[in-house]
Amino acid sequence: MTQNRKYFIAGGIVVTLTIGWVAAGFLYLRTLSPRQDILNFEQLQQQGVPMTRAVQIAEPAGHICVFGDRDKARWTLTSGPPGYLFNPSGRLVAFAIDTGDSPKFQGEYKVAEGNEIALKDLPELFRKLAP
């Protein structure tokens, strides 16, 4: 095998792996990002976004952050799970694919300091808090 052929094969492997990693990243975004027409918690559930836990945060008052399943794409090296911020009536007001890198979710919303809420209790809680 010639030296050039070895480089060609190695380069082909690197390019193939890179394309696979980028394609998988797009699949990750598509799976965990809310569609454009998603307005509230119920619709996000119907979309089938994998959710792991929820916290009620102090600021803005009454808002709830629901976290997506970080394990779905651990290989993408995210520093935090996806986050979906809902107002007290259950309306989706913010989204971050990586809450660990989001100044808004870490700084302004302080999602790491919230009080845990069971995911199963959210629909009823949103109904109670809705105006």
Protein backbone atom coordinates (compact mmCIF):
# COMPACT_ATOMS: atom_id res chain seq x y z
CA MET A 1 0.00 0.00 0.00
CA THR A 2 1.40 3.35 -0.96
CA GLN A 3 1.83 6.22 1.47
CA ASN A 4 -0.70 8.37 -0.42
CA ARG A 5 -3.34 5.66 -0.23
CA LYS A 6 -2.90 5.40 3.56
CA TYR A 7 -3.46 9.16 3.88
CA PHE A 8 -6.48 8.97 1.61
CA ILE A 9 -8.06 6.20 3.69
CA ALA A 10 -7.29 7.98 6.97
CA GLY A 11 -8.72 11.23 5.61
CA GLY A 12 -11.85 9.42 4.42
CA ILE A 13 -12.36 7.94 7.88
CA VAL A 14 -12.01 11.35 9.53
CA VAL A 15 -14.43 12.97 7.07
CA THR A 16 -16.98 10.16 7.52
CA LEU A 17 -16.82 10.40 11.31
CA THR A 18 -17.17 14.19 11.17
CA ILE A 19 -20.21 14.00 8.89
CA GLY A 20 -21.78 11.38 11.18
CA TRP A 21 -21.17 13.53 14.27
CA VAL A 22 -22.69 16.63 12.61
CA ALA A 23 -25.71 14.67 11.35
CA ALA A 24 -26.27 13.21 14.81
CA GLY A 25 -26.08 16.73 16.28
CA PHE A 26 -28.86 17.87 13.94
CA LEU A 27 -30.94 14.84 14.97
CA TYR A 28 -30.35 15.76 18.63
CA LEU A 29 -31.54 19.34 17.99
CA ARG A 30 -34.59 18.12 16.11
CA THR A 31 -35.55 15.64 18.82
CA LEU A 32 -35.20 18.03 21.76
CA SER A 33 -36.12 21.42 20.27
CA PRO A 34 -39.75 22.51 20.45
CA ARG A 35 -41.40 22.86 17.06
CA GLN A 36 -42.31 26.40 15.95
CA ASP A 37 -46.00 25.80 16.71
CA ILE A 38 -45.43 24.64 20.33
CA LEU A 39 -46.98 27.15 22.72
CA ASN A 40 -47.40 25.31 26.03
CA PHE A 41 -46.40 22.37 28.22
CA GLU A 42 -49.17 20.09 26.98
CA GLN A 43 -48.14 20.56 23.35
CA LEU A 44 -44.49 19.92 24.21
CA GLN A 45 -45.51 16.65 25.87
CA GLN A 46 -47.51 15.69 22.77
CA GLN A 47 -44.44 16.37 20.61
CA GLY A 48 -42.73 13.61 22.59
CA VAL A 49 -39.78 15.60 23.89
CA PRO A 50 -38.07 13.42 26.53
CA MET A 51 -38.29 15.19 29.91
CA THR A 52 -36.49 14.22 33.10
CA ARG A 53 -37.38 16.71 35.85
CA ALA A 54 -38.87 20.11 36.65
CA VAL A 55 -38.04 22.93 39.07
CA GLN A 56 -39.99 25.97 40.12
CA ILE A 57 -37.64 28.95 40.04
CA ALA A 58 -37.71 32.14 42.10
CA GLU A 59 -37.27 34.62 39.24
CA PRO A 60 -39.41 35.14 37.30
CA ALA A 61 -41.88 34.29 40.06
CA GLY A 62 -43.95 31.17 39.50
CA HIS A 63 -42.06 30.07 36.40
CA ILE A 64 -41.12 26.43 35.96
CA CYS A 65 -38.12 25.02 34.14
CA VAL A 66 -38.52 21.53 32.69
CA PHE A 67 -35.31 19.75 31.77
CA GLY A 68 -34.93 17.45 28.78
CA ASP A 69 -33.02 14.19 28.72
CA ARG A 70 -29.32 15.00 28.51
CA ASP A 71 -28.46 11.32 28.08
CA LYS A 72 -30.04 11.34 24.61
CA ALA A 73 -26.88 13.03 23.32
CA ARG A 74 -24.17 12.80 25.95
CA TRP A 75 -21.64 12.39 23.12
CA THR A 76 -22.33 15.97 21.97
CA LEU A 77 -20.50 17.18 25.08
CA THR A 78 -23.23 19.46 26.38
CA SER A 79 -22.58 21.12 29.72
CA GLY A 80 -26.20 20.88 30.77
CA PRO A 81 -29.53 19.39 29.71
CA PRO A 82 -32.01 21.15 27.44
CA GLY A 83 -34.31 23.50 29.33
CA TYR A 84 -37.86 24.64 28.65
CA LEU A 85 -39.10 27.61 30.69
CA PHE A 86 -42.85 27.94 31.26
CA ASN A 87 -44.77 30.81 32.81
CA PRO A 88 -47.28 30.03 35.61
CA SER A 89 -50.04 29.23 33.12
CA GLY A 90 -47.88 26.69 31.25
CA ARG A 91 -46.95 28.84 28.26
CA LEU A 92 -43.47 28.16 26.83
CA VAL A 93 -41.48 31.39 27.17
CA ALA A 94 -37.85 30.28 26.68
CA PHE A 95 -35.78 27.33 25.48
CA ALA A 96 -32.08 26.44 25.62
CA ILE A 97 -30.60 23.32 24.04
CA ASP A 98 -27.78 23.47 26.60
CA THR A 99 -28.73 25.11 29.91
CA GLY A 100 -25.18 24.75 31.20
CA ASP A 101 -23.92 27.22 28.58
CA SER A 102 -26.92 29.53 28.72
CA PRO A 103 -26.30 32.80 30.60
CA LYS A 104 -30.05 33.35 30.69
CA PHE A 105 -30.86 29.97 32.26
CA GLN A 106 -27.87 29.93 34.64
CA GLY A 107 -27.68 33.62 35.51
CA GLU A 108 -31.04 35.29 35.05
CA TYR A 109 -33.31 32.31 35.82
CA LYS A 110 -30.97 30.44 38.21
CA VAL A 111 -32.48 27.11 37.24
CA ALA A 112 -30.05 25.20 39.46
CA GLU A 113 -31.58 26.79 42.58
CA GLY A 114 -35.22 25.85 42.07
CA ASN A 115 -37.55 23.59 44.02
CA GLU A 116 -38.17 20.18 42.46
CA ILE A 117 -41.66 19.40 41.16
CA ALA A 118 -42.83 16.01 39.91
CA LEU A 119 -43.40 16.03 36.16
CA LYS A 120 -46.70 14.23 36.63
CA ASP A 121 -47.98 17.13 38.76
CA LEU A 122 -47.29 19.86 36.19
CA PRO A 123 -50.51 19.73 34.12
CA GLU A 124 -52.64 20.17 37.25
CA LEU A 125 -50.33 22.86 38.61
CA PHE A 126 -50.53 24.84 35.37
CA ARG A 127 -54.34 24.55 35.41
CA LYS A 128 -54.43 25.95 38.96
CA LEU A 129 -52.05 28.83 38.18
CA ALA A 130 -53.63 29.83 34.87
CA PRO A 131 -55.37 33.23 34.97
